Amino acid sequence: EEFIPYIEGRIDLIHIEGTATENVSERVYFDCYLIKDNI
């Protein structure tokens, strides 16, 4: 919220984390960020 590139709209981002099932059977812990570089 105080990160200048985010405030100025130069980037957007979303974060997701948690437990998940991978390839139908494998249990994993997954954490990811997707950052859009608007420049």
Full PDB file with SEQRES, HELIX, SHEET, SSBOND, CRYST1, ORIGX, SCALE, CONECT and MASTER records, all heavy atoms in Angstrom:
SEQRES   1 A   39  GLU GLU PHE ILE PRO TYR ILE GLU GLY ARG ILE ASP LEU          
SEQRES   2 A   39  ILE HIS ILE GLU GLY THR ALA THR GLU ASN VAL SER GLU          
SEQRES   3 A   39  ARG VAL TYR PHE ASP CYS TYR LEU ILE LYS ASP ASN ILE          
HELIX    1 AA1 ILE A    4  ILE A    7  1                                   4    
SHEET    1 AA1 2 ILE A  11  GLU A  22  0                                        
SHEET    2 AA1 2 GLU A  26  ASP A  37 -1                                        
CRYST1    1.000    1.000    1.000  90.00  90.00  90.00 P 1           1          
ORIGX1      1.000000  0.000000  0.000000        0.00000                         
ORIGX2      0.000000  1.000000  0.000000        0.00000                         
ORIGX3      0.000000  0.000000  1.000000        0.00000                         
SCALE1      1.000000  0.000000  0.000000        0.00000                         
SCALE2      0.000000  1.000000  0.000000        0.00000                         
SCALE3      0.000000  0.000000  1.000000        0.00000                         
ATOM      1  N   GLU A   1       0.820  -1.214   0.000  1.00  0.00           N  
ATOM      2  CA  GLU A   1       0.000   0.000   0.000  1.00  0.00           C  
ATOM      3  C   GLU A   1       0.853   1.262   0.000  1.00  0.00           C  
ATOM      4  O   GLU A   1       0.387   2.317  -0.408  1.00  0.00           O  
ATOM      5  CB  GLU A   1      -0.954  -0.014   1.188  1.00  0.00           C  
ATOM      6  CG  GLU A   1      -2.031  -1.069   1.054  1.00  0.00           C  
ATOM      7  CD  GLU A   1      -2.884  -1.220   2.291  1.00  0.00           C  
ATOM      8  OE1 GLU A   1      -2.685  -0.463   3.272  1.00  0.00           O  
ATOM      9  OE2 GLU A   1      -3.757  -2.104   2.286  1.00  0.00           O  
ATOM     10  N   GLU A   2       2.097   1.157   0.463  1.00  0.00           N  
ATOM     11  CA  GLU A   2       3.001   2.306   0.485  1.00  0.00           C  
ATOM     12  C   GLU A   2       4.155   2.165  -0.515  1.00  0.00           C  
ATOM     13  O   GLU A   2       5.081   2.957  -0.495  1.00  0.00           O  
ATOM     14  CB  GLU A   2       3.538   2.513   1.901  1.00  0.00           C  
ATOM     15  CG  GLU A   2       2.444   2.840   2.899  1.00  0.00           C  
ATOM     16  CD  GLU A   2       2.957   3.031   4.303  1.00  0.00           C  
ATOM     17  OE1 GLU A   2       4.174   3.203   4.482  1.00  0.00           O  
ATOM     18  OE2 GLU A   2       2.132   2.999   5.219  1.00  0.00           O  
ATOM     19  N   PHE A   3       4.099   1.164  -1.372  1.00  0.00           N  
ATOM     20  CA  PHE A   3       5.141   0.908  -2.359  1.00  0.00           C  
ATOM     21  C   PHE A   3       4.904   1.837  -3.540  1.00  0.00           C  
ATOM     22  O   PHE A   3       3.878   1.746  -4.230  1.00  0.00           O  
ATOM     23  CB  PHE A   3       5.088  -0.567  -2.771  1.00  0.00           C  
ATOM     24  CG  PHE A   3       6.222  -1.031  -3.637  1.00  0.00           C  
ATOM     25  CD1 PHE A   3       7.543  -0.819  -3.271  1.00  0.00           C  
ATOM     26  CD2 PHE A   3       5.965  -1.719  -4.811  1.00  0.00           C  
ATOM     27  CE1 PHE A   3       8.596  -1.274  -4.077  1.00  0.00           C  
ATOM     28  CE2 PHE A   3       7.001  -2.184  -5.607  1.00  0.00           C  
ATOM     29  CZ  PHE A   3       8.316  -1.946  -5.239  1.00  0.00           C  
ATOM     30  N   ILE A   4       5.814   2.766  -3.777  1.00  0.00           N  
ATOM     31  CA  ILE A   4       5.629   3.832  -4.765  1.00  0.00           C  
ATOM     32  C   ILE A   4       5.230   3.309  -6.148  1.00  0.00           C  
ATOM     33  O   ILE A   4       4.258   3.810  -6.739  1.00  0.00           O  
ATOM     34  CB  ILE A   4       6.881   4.744  -4.856  1.00  0.00           C  
ATOM     35  CG1 ILE A   4       7.186   5.372  -3.497  1.00  0.00           C  
ATOM     36  CG2 ILE A   4       6.733   5.798  -5.942  1.00  0.00           C  
ATOM     37  CD1 ILE A   4       6.125   6.304  -2.969  1.00  0.00           C  
ATOM     38  N   PRO A   5       5.914   2.301  -6.723  1.00  0.00           N  
ATOM     39  CA  PRO A   5       5.488   1.824  -8.055  1.00  0.00           C  
ATOM     40  C   PRO A   5       4.034   1.327  -8.074  1.00  0.00           C  
ATOM     41  O   PRO A   5       3.334   1.488  -9.066  1.00  0.00           O  
ATOM     42  CB  PRO A   5       6.469   0.689  -8.359  1.00  0.00           C  
ATOM     43  CG  PRO A   5       7.689   1.040  -7.575  1.00  0.00           C  
ATOM     44  CD  PRO A   5       7.160   1.650  -6.299  1.00  0.00           C  
ATOM     45  N   TYR A   6       3.580   0.752  -6.956  1.00  0.00           N  
ATOM     46  CA  TYR A   6       2.194   0.275  -6.869  1.00  0.00           C  
ATOM     47  C   TYR A   6       1.238   1.464  -6.767  1.00  0.00           C  
ATOM     48  O   TYR A   6       0.227   1.526  -7.464  1.00  0.00           O  
ATOM     49  CB  TYR A   6       2.041  -0.663  -5.666  1.00  0.00           C  
ATOM     50  CG  TYR A   6       0.648  -1.213  -5.487  1.00  0.00           C  
ATOM     51  CD1 TYR A   6       0.146  -2.178  -6.352  1.00  0.00           C  
ATOM     52  CD2 TYR A   6      -0.174  -0.768  -4.455  1.00  0.00           C  
ATOM     53  CE1 TYR A   6      -1.135  -2.680  -6.203  1.00  0.00           C  
ATOM     54  CE2 TYR A   6      -1.446  -1.266  -4.291  1.00  0.00           C  
ATOM     55  CZ  TYR A   6      -1.921  -2.224  -5.159  1.00  0.00           C  
ATOM     56  OH  TYR A   6      -3.188  -2.723  -5.013  1.00  0.00           O  
ATOM     57  N   ILE A   7       1.569   2.428  -5.922  1.00  0.00           N  
ATOM     58  CA  ILE A   7       0.732   3.620  -5.743  1.00  0.00           C  
ATOM     59  C   ILE A   7       0.591   4.378  -7.062  1.00  0.00           C  
ATOM     60  O   ILE A   7      -0.494   4.839  -7.420  1.00  0.00           O  
ATOM     61  CB  ILE A   7       1.326   4.549  -4.651  1.00  0.00           C  
ATOM     62  CG1 ILE A   7       1.243   3.873  -3.285  1.00  0.00           C  
ATOM     63  CG2 ILE A   7       0.606   5.892  -4.626  1.00  0.00           C  
ATOM     64  CD1 ILE A   7       2.034   4.587  -2.202  1.00  0.00           C  
ATOM     65  N   GLU A   8       1.690   4.492  -7.803  1.00  0.00           N  
ATOM     66  CA  GLU A   8       1.688   5.251  -9.059  1.00  0.00           C  
ATOM     67  C   GLU A   8       1.123   4.459 -10.235  1.00  0.00           C  
ATOM     68  O   GLU A   8       1.026   4.979 -11.343  1.00  0.00           O  
ATOM     69  CB  GLU A   8       3.110   5.712  -9.384  1.00  0.00           C  
ATOM     70  CG  GLU A   8       3.636   6.729  -8.387  1.00  0.00           C  
ATOM     71  CD  GLU A   8       5.070   7.149  -8.668  1.00  0.00           C  
ATOM     72  OE1 GLU A   8       5.747   6.490  -9.496  1.00  0.00           O  
ATOM     73  OE2 GLU A   8       5.506   8.131  -8.059  1.00  0.00           O  
ATOM     74  N   GLY A   9       0.772   3.200 -10.021  1.00  0.00           N  
ATOM     75  CA  GLY A   9       0.182   2.401 -11.089  1.00  0.00           C  
ATOM     76  C   GLY A   9       1.183   1.811 -12.059  1.00  0.00           C  
ATOM     77  O   GLY A   9       0.802   1.331 -13.124  1.00  0.00           O  
ATOM     78  N   ARG A  10       2.479   1.840 -11.713  1.00  0.00           N  
ATOM     79  CA  ARG A  10       3.480   1.248 -12.603  1.00  0.00           C  
ATOM     80  C   ARG A  10       3.458  -0.276 -12.528  1.00  0.00           C  
ATOM     81  O   ARG A  10       3.882  -0.946 -13.465  1.00  0.00           O  
ATOM     82  CB  ARG A  10       4.875   1.795 -12.279  1.00  0.00           C  
ATOM     83  CG  ARG A  10       5.003   3.271 -12.671  1.00  0.00           C  
ATOM     84  CD  ARG A  10       6.393   3.794 -12.426  1.00  0.00           C  
ATOM     85  NE  ARG A  10       6.534   4.168 -11.033  1.00  0.00           N  
ATOM     86  CZ  ARG A  10       7.673   4.150 -10.357  1.00  0.00           C  
ATOM     87  NH1 ARG A  10       8.786   3.758 -10.936  1.00  0.00           N  
ATOM     88  NH2 ARG A  10       7.722   4.514  -9.089  1.00  0.00           N  
ATOM     89  N   ILE A  11       2.991  -0.792 -11.399  1.00  0.00           N  
ATOM     90  CA  ILE A  11       2.801  -2.238 -11.268  1.00  0.00           C  
ATOM     91  C   ILE A  11       1.449  -2.502 -10.611  1.00  0.00           C  
ATOM     92  O   ILE A  11       0.913  -1.657  -9.902  1.00  0.00           O  
ATOM     93  CB  ILE A  11       3.915  -2.925 -10.429  1.00  0.00           C  
ATOM     94  CG1 ILE A  11       3.879  -2.459  -8.973  1.00  0.00           C  
ATOM     95  CG2 ILE A  11       5.272  -2.765 -11.048  1.00  0.00           C  
ATOM     96  CD1 ILE A  11       4.641  -3.343  -8.018  1.00  0.00           C  
ATOM     97  N   ASP A  12       0.926  -3.691 -10.858  1.00  0.00           N  
ATOM     98  CA  ASP A  12      -0.219  -4.247 -10.140  1.00  0.00           C  
ATOM     99  C   ASP A  12       0.227  -5.626  -9.694  1.00  0.00           C  
ATOM    100  O   ASP A  12       1.072  -6.252 -10.343  1.00  0.00           O  
ATOM    101  CB  ASP A  12      -1.440  -4.372 -11.047  1.00  0.00           C  
ATOM    102  CG  ASP A  12      -2.048  -3.028 -11.385  1.00  0.00           C  
ATOM    103  OD1 ASP A  12      -2.260  -2.230 -10.446  1.00  0.00           O  
ATOM    104  OD2 ASP A  12      -2.301  -2.778 -12.583  1.00  0.00           O  
ATOM    105  N   LEU A  13      -0.338  -6.109  -8.606  1.00  0.00           N  
ATOM    106  CA  LEU A  13       0.061  -7.447  -8.180  1.00  0.00           C  
ATOM    107  C   LEU A  13      -1.030  -8.127  -7.397  1.00  0.00           C  
ATOM    108  O   LEU A  13      -1.920  -7.490  -6.843  1.00  0.00           O  
ATOM    109  CB  LEU A  13       1.353  -7.409  -7.380  1.00  0.00           C  
ATOM    110  CG  LEU A  13       1.376  -6.659  -6.069  1.00  0.00           C  
ATOM    111  CD1 LEU A  13       1.305  -7.617  -4.916  1.00  0.00           C  
ATOM    112  CD2 LEU A  13       2.667  -5.875  -5.991  1.00  0.00           C  
ATOM    113  N   ILE A  14      -0.949  -9.443  -7.393  1.00  0.00           N  
ATOM    114  CA  ILE A  14      -1.846 -10.283  -6.618  1.00  0.00           C  
ATOM    115  C   ILE A  14      -1.028 -11.437  -6.055  1.00  0.00           C  
ATOM    116  O   ILE A  14      -0.044 -11.880  -6.667  1.00  0.00           O  
ATOM    117  CB  ILE A  14      -3.034 -10.778  -7.484  1.00  0.00           C  
ATOM    118  CG1 ILE A  14      -4.070 -11.461  -6.586  1.00  0.00           C  
ATOM    119  CG2 ILE A  14      -2.559 -11.675  -8.594  1.00  0.00           C  
ATOM    120  CD1 ILE A  14      -5.401 -11.678  -7.295  1.00  0.00           C  
ATOM    121  N   HIS A  15      -1.430 -11.908  -4.896  1.00  0.00           N  
ATOM    122  CA  HIS A  15      -0.710 -12.950  -4.169  1.00  0.00           C  
ATOM    123  C   HIS A  15      -1.694 -14.048  -3.794  1.00  0.00           C  
ATOM    124  O   HIS A  15      -2.833 -13.766  -3.428  1.00  0.00           O  
ATOM    125  CB  HIS A  15      -0.100 -12.321  -2.905  1.00  0.00           C  
ATOM    126  CG  HIS A  15       0.424 -13.297  -1.920  1.00  0.00           C  
ATOM    127  ND1 HIS A  15      -0.062 -13.395  -0.640  1.00  0.00           N  
ATOM    128  CD2 HIS A  15       1.405 -14.214  -2.008  1.00  0.00           C  
ATOM    129  CE1 HIS A  15       0.599 -14.327   0.018  1.00  0.00           C  
ATOM    130  NE2 HIS A  15       1.489 -14.838  -0.799  1.00  0.00           N  
ATOM    131  N   ILE A  16      -1.263 -15.286  -3.913  1.00  0.00           N  
ATOM    132  CA  ILE A  16      -2.068 -16.413  -3.447  1.00  0.00           C  
ATOM    133  C   ILE A  16      -1.139 -17.402  -2.761  1.00  0.00           C  
ATOM    134  O   ILE A  16      -0.013 -17.634  -3.211  1.00  0.00           O  
ATOM    135  CB  ILE A  16      -2.850 -17.084  -4.602  1.00  0.00           C  
ATOM    136  CG1 ILE A  16      -3.766 -18.195  -4.067  1.00  0.00           C  
ATOM    137  CG2 ILE A  16      -1.925 -17.621  -5.670  1.00  0.00           C  
ATOM    138  CD1 ILE A  16      -4.749 -18.730  -5.085  1.00  0.00           C  
ATOM    139  N   GLU A  17      -1.603 -17.951  -1.657  1.00  0.00           N  
ATOM    140  CA  GLU A  17      -0.828 -18.999  -0.990  1.00  0.00           C  
ATOM    141  C   GLU A  17      -1.760 -19.949  -0.273  1.00  0.00           C  
ATOM    142  O   GLU A  17      -2.852 -19.568   0.137  1.00  0.00           O  
ATOM    143  CB  GLU A  17       0.190 -18.420  -0.015  1.00  0.00           C  
ATOM    144  CG  GLU A  17      -0.375 -17.915   1.286  1.00  0.00           C  
ATOM    145  CD  GLU A  17       0.700 -17.532   2.283  1.00  0.00           C  
ATOM    146  OE1 GLU A  17       1.427 -18.424   2.745  1.00  0.00           O  
ATOM    147  OE2 GLU A  17       0.781 -16.335   2.595  1.00  0.00           O  
ATOM    148  N   GLY A  18      -1.310 -21.179  -0.161  1.00  0.00           N  
ATOM    149  CA  GLY A  18      -2.084 -22.173   0.562  1.00  0.00           C  
ATOM    150  C   GLY A  18      -1.731 -23.575   0.131  1.00  0.00           C  
ATOM    151  O   GLY A  18      -0.834 -23.796  -0.677  1.00  0.00           O  
ATOM    152  N   THR A  19      -2.468 -24.518   0.686  1.00  0.00           N  
ATOM    153  CA  THR A  19      -2.272 -25.910   0.319  1.00  0.00           C  
ATOM    154  C   THR A  19      -3.090 -26.201  -0.934  1.00  0.00           C  
ATOM    155  O   THR A  19      -4.142 -25.604  -1.164  1.00  0.00           O  
ATOM    156  CB  THR A  19      -2.693 -26.855   1.463  1.00  0.00           C  
ATOM    157  OG1 THR A  19      -4.030 -26.542   1.855  1.00  0.00           O  
ATOM    158  CG2 THR A  19      -1.769 -26.718   2.651  1.00  0.00           C  
ATOM    159  N   ALA A  20      -2.561 -27.100  -1.751  1.00  0.00           N  
ATOM    160  CA  ALA A  20      -3.216 -27.396  -3.022  1.00  0.00           C  
ATOM    161  C   ALA A  20      -2.917 -28.832  -3.436  1.00  0.00           C  
ATOM    162  O   ALA A  20      -2.027 -29.485  -2.887  1.00  0.00           O  
ATOM    163  CB  ALA A  20      -2.718 -26.434  -4.101  1.00  0.00           C  
ATOM    164  N   THR A  21      -3.676 -29.280  -4.413  1.00  0.00           N  
ATOM    165  CA  THR A  21      -3.422 -30.578  -5.034  1.00  0.00           C  
ATOM    166  C   THR A  21      -2.849 -30.302  -6.417  1.00  0.00           C  
ATOM    167  O   THR A  21      -3.393 -29.514  -7.181  1.00  0.00           O  
ATOM    168  CB  THR A  21      -4.721 -31.407  -5.142  1.00  0.00           C  
ATOM    169  OG1 THR A  21      -5.260 -31.571  -3.836  1.00  0.00           O  
ATOM    170  CG2 THR A  21      -4.444 -32.754  -5.756  1.00  0.00           C  
ATOM    171  N   GLU A  22      -1.721 -30.946  -6.707  1.00  0.00           N  
ATOM    172  CA  GLU A  22      -1.026 -30.775  -7.976  1.00  0.00           C  
ATOM    173  C   GLU A  22      -1.139 -32.064  -8.777  1.00  0.00           C  
ATOM    174  O   GLU A  22      -0.920 -33.149  -8.234  1.00  0.00           O  
ATOM    175  CB  GLU A  22       0.441 -30.435  -7.689  1.00  0.00           C  
ATOM    176  CG  GLU A  22       1.296 -30.193  -8.895  1.00  0.00           C  
ATOM    177  CD  GLU A  22       2.736 -29.890  -8.496  1.00  0.00           C  
ATOM    178  OE1 GLU A  22       3.335 -30.688  -7.748  1.00  0.00           O  
ATOM    179  OE2 GLU A  22       3.245 -28.854  -8.925  1.00  0.00           O  
ATOM    180  N   ASN A  23      -1.474 -31.931 -10.042  1.00  0.00           N  
ATOM    181  CA  ASN A  23      -1.599 -33.100 -10.920  1.00  0.00           C  
ATOM    182  C   ASN A  23      -2.534 -34.158 -10.347  1.00  0.00           C  
ATOM    183  O   ASN A  23      -2.236 -35.351 -10.368  1.00  0.00           O  
ATOM    184  CB  ASN A  23      -0.234 -33.722 -11.216  1.00  0.00           C  
ATOM    185  CG  ASN A  23       0.626 -32.833 -12.059  1.00  0.00           C  
ATOM    186  OD1 ASN A  23       0.141 -32.143 -12.945  1.00  0.00           O  
ATOM    187  ND2 ASN A  23       1.908 -32.805 -11.753  1.00  0.00           N  
ATOM    188  N   VAL A  24      -3.617 -33.735  -9.768  1.00  0.00           N  
ATOM    189  CA  VAL A  24      -4.697 -34.565  -9.240  1.00  0.00           C  
ATOM    190  C   VAL A  24      -4.343 -35.331  -7.969  1.00  0.00           C  
ATOM    191  O   VAL A  24      -5.213 -35.661  -7.190  1.00  0.00           O  
ATOM    192  CB  VAL A  24      -5.225 -35.551 -10.320  1.00  0.00           C  
ATOM    193  CG1 VAL A  24      -6.408 -36.350  -9.812  1.00  0.00           C  
ATOM    194  CG2 VAL A  24      -5.608 -34.820 -11.583  1.00  0.00           C  
ATOM    195  N   SER A  25      -3.068 -35.588  -7.690  1.00  0.00           N  
ATOM    196  CA  SER A  25      -2.761 -36.463  -6.563  1.00  0.00           C  
ATOM    197  C   SER A  25      -1.742 -35.936  -5.558  1.00  0.00           C  
ATOM    198  O   SER A  25      -1.764 -36.346  -4.402  1.00  0.00           O  
ATOM    199  CB  SER A  25      -2.274 -37.811  -7.086  1.00  0.00           C  
ATOM    200  OG  SER A  25      -1.085 -37.637  -7.822  1.00  0.00           O  
ATOM    201  N   GLU A  26      -0.837 -35.071  -5.967  1.00  0.00           N  
ATOM    202  CA  GLU A  26       0.239 -34.669  -5.057  1.00  0.00           C  
ATOM    203  C   GLU A  26      -0.151 -33.443  -4.231  1.00  0.00           C  
ATOM    204  O   GLU A  26      -0.581 -32.433  -4.766  1.00  0.00           O  
ATOM    205  CB  GLU A  26       1.523 -34.368  -5.840  1.00  0.00           C  
ATOM    206  CG  GLU A  26       2.701 -34.169  -4.919  1.00  0.00           C  
ATOM    207  CD  GLU A  26       4.029 -34.143  -5.664  1.00  0.00           C  
ATOM    208  OE1 GLU A  26       4.035 -34.329  -6.890  1.00  0.00           O  
ATOM    209  OE2 GLU A  26       5.039 -33.935  -4.999  1.00  0.00           O  
ATOM    210  N   ARG A  27       0.017 -33.543  -2.916  1.00  0.00           N  
ATOM    211  CA  ARG A  27      -0.312 -32.437  -2.020  1.00  0.00           C  
ATOM    212  C   ARG A  27       0.914 -31.533  -1.891  1.00  0.00           C  
ATOM    213  O   ARG A  27       2.026 -32.001  -1.647  1.00  0.00           O  
ATOM    214  CB  ARG A  27      -0.706 -32.973  -0.632  1.00  0.00           C  
ATOM    215  CG  ARG A  27      -1.921 -33.855  -0.666  1.00  0.00           C  
ATOM    216  CD  ARG A  27      -3.190 -33.102  -0.991  1.00  0.00           C  
ATOM    217  NE  ARG A  27      -3.483 -32.170   0.091  1.00  0.00           N  
ATOM    218  CZ  ARG A  27      -4.142 -31.030  -0.050  1.00  0.00           C  
ATOM    219  NH1 ARG A  27      -4.589 -30.658  -1.218  1.00  0.00           N  
ATOM    220  NH2 ARG A  27      -4.357 -30.253   0.981  1.00  0.00           N  
ATOM    221  N   VAL A  28       0.716 -30.226  -2.063  1.00  0.00           N  
ATOM    222  CA  VAL A  28       1.822 -29.263  -2.025  1.00  0.00           C  
ATOM    223  C   VAL A  28       1.406 -28.011  -1.259  1.00  0.00           C  
ATOM    224  O   VAL A  28       0.213 -27.753  -1.063  1.00  0.00           O  
ATOM    225  CB  VAL A  28       2.275 -28.852  -3.448  1.00  0.00           C  
ATOM    226  CG1 VAL A  28       2.812 -30.044  -4.216  1.00  0.00           C  
ATOM    227  CG2 VAL A  28       1.166 -28.168  -4.217  1.00  0.00           C  
ATOM    228  N   TYR A  29       2.430 -27.255  -0.860  1.00  0.00           N  
ATOM    229  CA  TYR A  29       2.203 -25.913  -0.344  1.00  0.00           C  
ATOM    230  C   TYR A  29       2.696 -24.967  -1.423  1.00  0.00           C  
ATOM    231  O   TYR A  29       3.835 -25.070  -1.871  1.00  0.00           O  
ATOM    232  CB  TYR A  29       2.953 -25.672   0.968  1.00  0.00           C  
ATOM    233  CG  TYR A  29       2.502 -24.386   1.616  1.00  0.00           C  
ATOM    234  CD1 TYR A  29       1.365 -24.365   2.417  1.00  0.00           C  
ATOM    235  CD2 TYR A  29       3.159 -23.187   1.384  1.00  0.00           C  
ATOM    236  CE1 TYR A  29       0.904 -23.182   2.980  1.00  0.00           C  
ATOM    237  CE2 TYR A  29       2.712 -21.999   1.936  1.00  0.00           C  
ATOM    238  CZ  TYR A  29       1.582 -22.007   2.735  1.00  0.00           C  
ATOM    239  OH  TYR A  29       1.130 -20.832   3.271  1.00  0.00           O  
ATOM    240  N   PHE A  30       1.839 -24.069  -1.865  1.00  0.00           N  
ATOM    241  CA  PHE A  30       2.157 -23.216  -3.006  1.00  0.00           C  
ATOM    242  C   PHE A  30       1.949 -21.755  -2.628  1.00  0.00           C  
ATOM    243  O   PHE A  30       0.946 -21.392  -2.025  1.00  0.00           O  
ATOM    244  CB  PHE A  30       1.265 -23.590  -4.190  1.00  0.00           C  
ATOM    245  CG  PHE A  30       1.755 -23.097  -5.509  1.00  0.00           C  
ATOM    246  CD1 PHE A  30       2.689 -23.816  -6.230  1.00  0.00           C  
ATOM    247  CD2 PHE A  30       1.291 -21.910  -6.041  1.00  0.00           C  
ATOM    248  CE1 PHE A  30       3.149 -23.361  -7.455  1.00  0.00           C  
ATOM    249  CE2 PHE A  30       1.736 -21.443  -7.269  1.00  0.00           C  
ATOM    250  CZ  PHE A  30       2.675 -22.173  -7.979  1.00  0.00           C  
ATOM    251  N   ASP A  31       2.911 -20.932  -2.983  1.00  0.00           N  
ATOM    252  CA  ASP A  31       2.877 -19.501  -2.672  1.00  0.00           C  
ATOM    253  C   ASP A  31       3.317 -18.795  -3.952  1.00  0.00           C  
ATOM    254  O   ASP A  31       4.350 -19.142  -4.526  1.00  0.00           O  
ATOM    255  CB  ASP A  31       3.870 -19.232  -1.542  1.00  0.00           C  
ATOM    256  CG  ASP A  31       3.731 -17.867  -0.910  1.00  0.00           C  
ATOM    257  OD1 ASP A  31       2.980 -17.028  -1.446  1.00  0.00           O  
ATOM    258  OD2 ASP A  31       4.387 -17.632   0.116  1.00  0.00           O  
ATOM    259  N   CYS A  32       2.525 -17.840  -4.437  1.00  0.00           N  
ATOM    260  CA  CYS A  32       2.957 -17.147  -5.661  1.00  0.00           C  
ATOM    261  C   CYS A  32       2.464 -15.711  -5.700  1.00  0.00           C  
ATOM    262  O   CYS A  32       1.492 -15.345  -5.042  1.00  0.00           O  
ATOM    263  CB  CYS A  32       2.530 -17.912  -6.904  1.00  0.00           C  
ATOM    264  SG  CYS A  32       0.800 -17.766  -7.323  1.00  0.00           S  
ATOM    265  N   TYR A  33       3.192 -14.937  -6.472  1.00  0.00           N  
ATOM    266  CA  TYR A  33       2.858 -13.543  -6.745  1.00  0.00           C  
ATOM    267  C   TYR A  33       2.833 -13.391  -8.262  1.00  0.00           C  
ATOM    268  O   TYR A  33       3.741 -13.858  -8.946  1.00  0.00           O  
ATOM    269  CB  TYR A  33       3.929 -12.606  -6.197  1.00  0.00           C  
ATOM    270  CG  TYR A  33       3.946 -12.458  -4.699  1.00  0.00           C  
ATOM    271  CD1 TYR A  33       4.450 -13.465  -3.881  1.00  0.00           C  
ATOM    272  CD2 TYR A  33       3.476 -11.293  -4.101  1.00  0.00           C  
ATOM    273  CE1 TYR A  33       4.478 -13.323  -2.512  1.00  0.00           C  
ATOM    274  CE2 TYR A  33       3.516 -11.140  -2.721  1.00  0.00           C  
ATOM    275  CZ  TYR A  33       4.011 -12.160  -1.929  1.00  0.00           C  
ATOM    276  OH  TYR A  33       4.037 -12.011  -0.566  1.00  0.00           O  
ATOM    277  N   LEU A  34       1.820 -12.710  -8.747  1.00  0.00           N  
ATOM    278  CA  LEU A  34       1.786 -12.316 -10.144  1.00  0.00           C  
ATOM    279  C   LEU A  34       1.847 -10.792 -10.152  1.00  0.00           C  
ATOM    280  O   LEU A  34       0.981 -10.123  -9.593  1.00  0.00           O  
ATOM    281  CB  LEU A  34       0.516 -12.803 -10.846  1.00  0.00           C  
ATOM    282  CG  LEU A  34       0.418 -12.425 -12.320  1.00  0.00           C  
ATOM    283  CD1 LEU A  34       1.537 -13.086 -13.140  1.00  0.00           C  
ATOM    284  CD2 LEU A  34      -0.948 -12.797 -12.886  1.00  0.00           C  
ATOM    285  N   ILE A  35       2.904 -10.273 -10.775  1.00  0.00           N  
ATOM    286  CA  ILE A  35       3.135  -8.829 -10.807  1.00  0.00           C  
ATOM    287  C   ILE A  35       3.023  -8.368 -12.249  1.00  0.00           C  
ATOM    288  O   ILE A  35       3.711  -8.891 -13.132  1.00  0.00           O  
ATOM    289  CB  ILE A  35       4.528  -8.485 -10.249  1.00  0.00           C  
ATOM    290  CG1 ILE A  35       4.675  -9.025  -8.831  1.00  0.00           C  
ATOM    291  CG2 ILE A  35       4.755  -6.969 -10.284  1.00  0.00           C  
ATOM    292  CD1 ILE A  35       6.088  -8.993  -8.294  1.00  0.00           C  
ATOM    293  N   LYS A  36       2.153  -7.410 -12.499  1.00  0.00           N  
ATOM    294  CA  LYS A  36       2.030  -6.853 -13.854  1.00  0.00           C  
ATOM    295  C   LYS A  36       2.888  -5.604 -13.932  1.00  0.00           C  
ATOM    296  O   LYS A  36       2.736  -4.672 -13.153  1.00  0.00           O  
ATOM    297  CB  LYS A  36       0.586  -6.502 -14.177  1.00  0.00           C  
ATOM    298  CG  LYS A  36       0.501  -5.842 -15.547  1.00  0.00           C  
ATOM    299  CD  LYS A  36      -0.674  -6.275 -16.347  1.00  0.00           C  
ATOM    300  CE  LYS A  36      -0.543  -5.785 -17.774  1.00  0.00           C  
ATOM    301  NZ  LYS A  36      -1.633  -4.954 -18.190  1.00  0.00           N  
ATOM    302  N   ASP A  37       3.817  -5.615 -14.859  1.00  0.00           N  
ATOM    303  CA  ASP A  37       4.681  -4.468 -15.141  1.00  0.00           C  
ATOM    304  C   ASP A  37       3.952  -3.620 -16.187  1.00  0.00           C  
ATOM    305  O   ASP A  37       3.953  -3.944 -17.364  1.00  0.00           O  
ATOM    306  CB  ASP A  37       6.029  -5.002 -15.661  1.00  0.00           C  
ATOM    307  CG  ASP A  37       6.950  -3.904 -16.168  1.00  0.00           C  
ATOM    308  OD1 ASP A  37       6.535  -2.734 -16.236  1.00  0.00           O  
ATOM    309  OD2 ASP A  37       8.097  -4.237 -16.520  1.00  0.00           O  
ATOM    310  N   ASN A  38       3.281  -2.570 -15.734  1.00  0.00           N  
ATOM    311  CA  ASN A  38       2.490  -1.735 -16.634  1.00  0.00           C  
ATOM    312  C   ASN A  38       3.344  -0.863 -17.542  1.00  0.00           C  
ATOM    313  O   ASN A  38       2.865  -0.386 -18.564  1.00  0.00           O  
ATOM    314  CB  ASN A  38       1.525  -0.863 -15.828  1.00  0.00           C  
ATOM    315  CG  ASN A  38       0.462  -1.699 -15.143  1.00  0.00           C  
ATOM    316  OD1 ASN A  38      -0.069  -2.644 -15.716  1.00  0.00           O  
ATOM    317  ND2 ASN A  38       0.164  -1.369 -13.894  1.00  0.00           N  
ATOM    318  N   ILE A  39       4.616  -0.663 -17.198  1.00  0.00           N  
ATOM    319  CA  ILE A  39       5.524   0.126 -18.033  1.00  0.00           C  
ATOM    320  C   ILE A  39       5.875  -0.648 -19.306  1.00  0.00           C  
ATOM    321  O   ILE A  39       5.864  -0.111 -20.405  1.00  0.00           O  
ATOM    322  CB  ILE A  39       6.832   0.466 -17.269  1.00  0.00           C  
ATOM    323  CG1 ILE A  39       6.524   1.195 -15.966  1.00  0.00           C  
ATOM    324  CG2 ILE A  39       7.797   1.232 -18.153  1.00  0.00           C  
ATOM    325  CD1 ILE A  39       6.090   2.622 -16.110  1.00  0.00           C  
TER     326      ILE A  39                                                      
MASTER        0    0    0    1    2    0    0    6  325    1    0    3          
END                                                                             
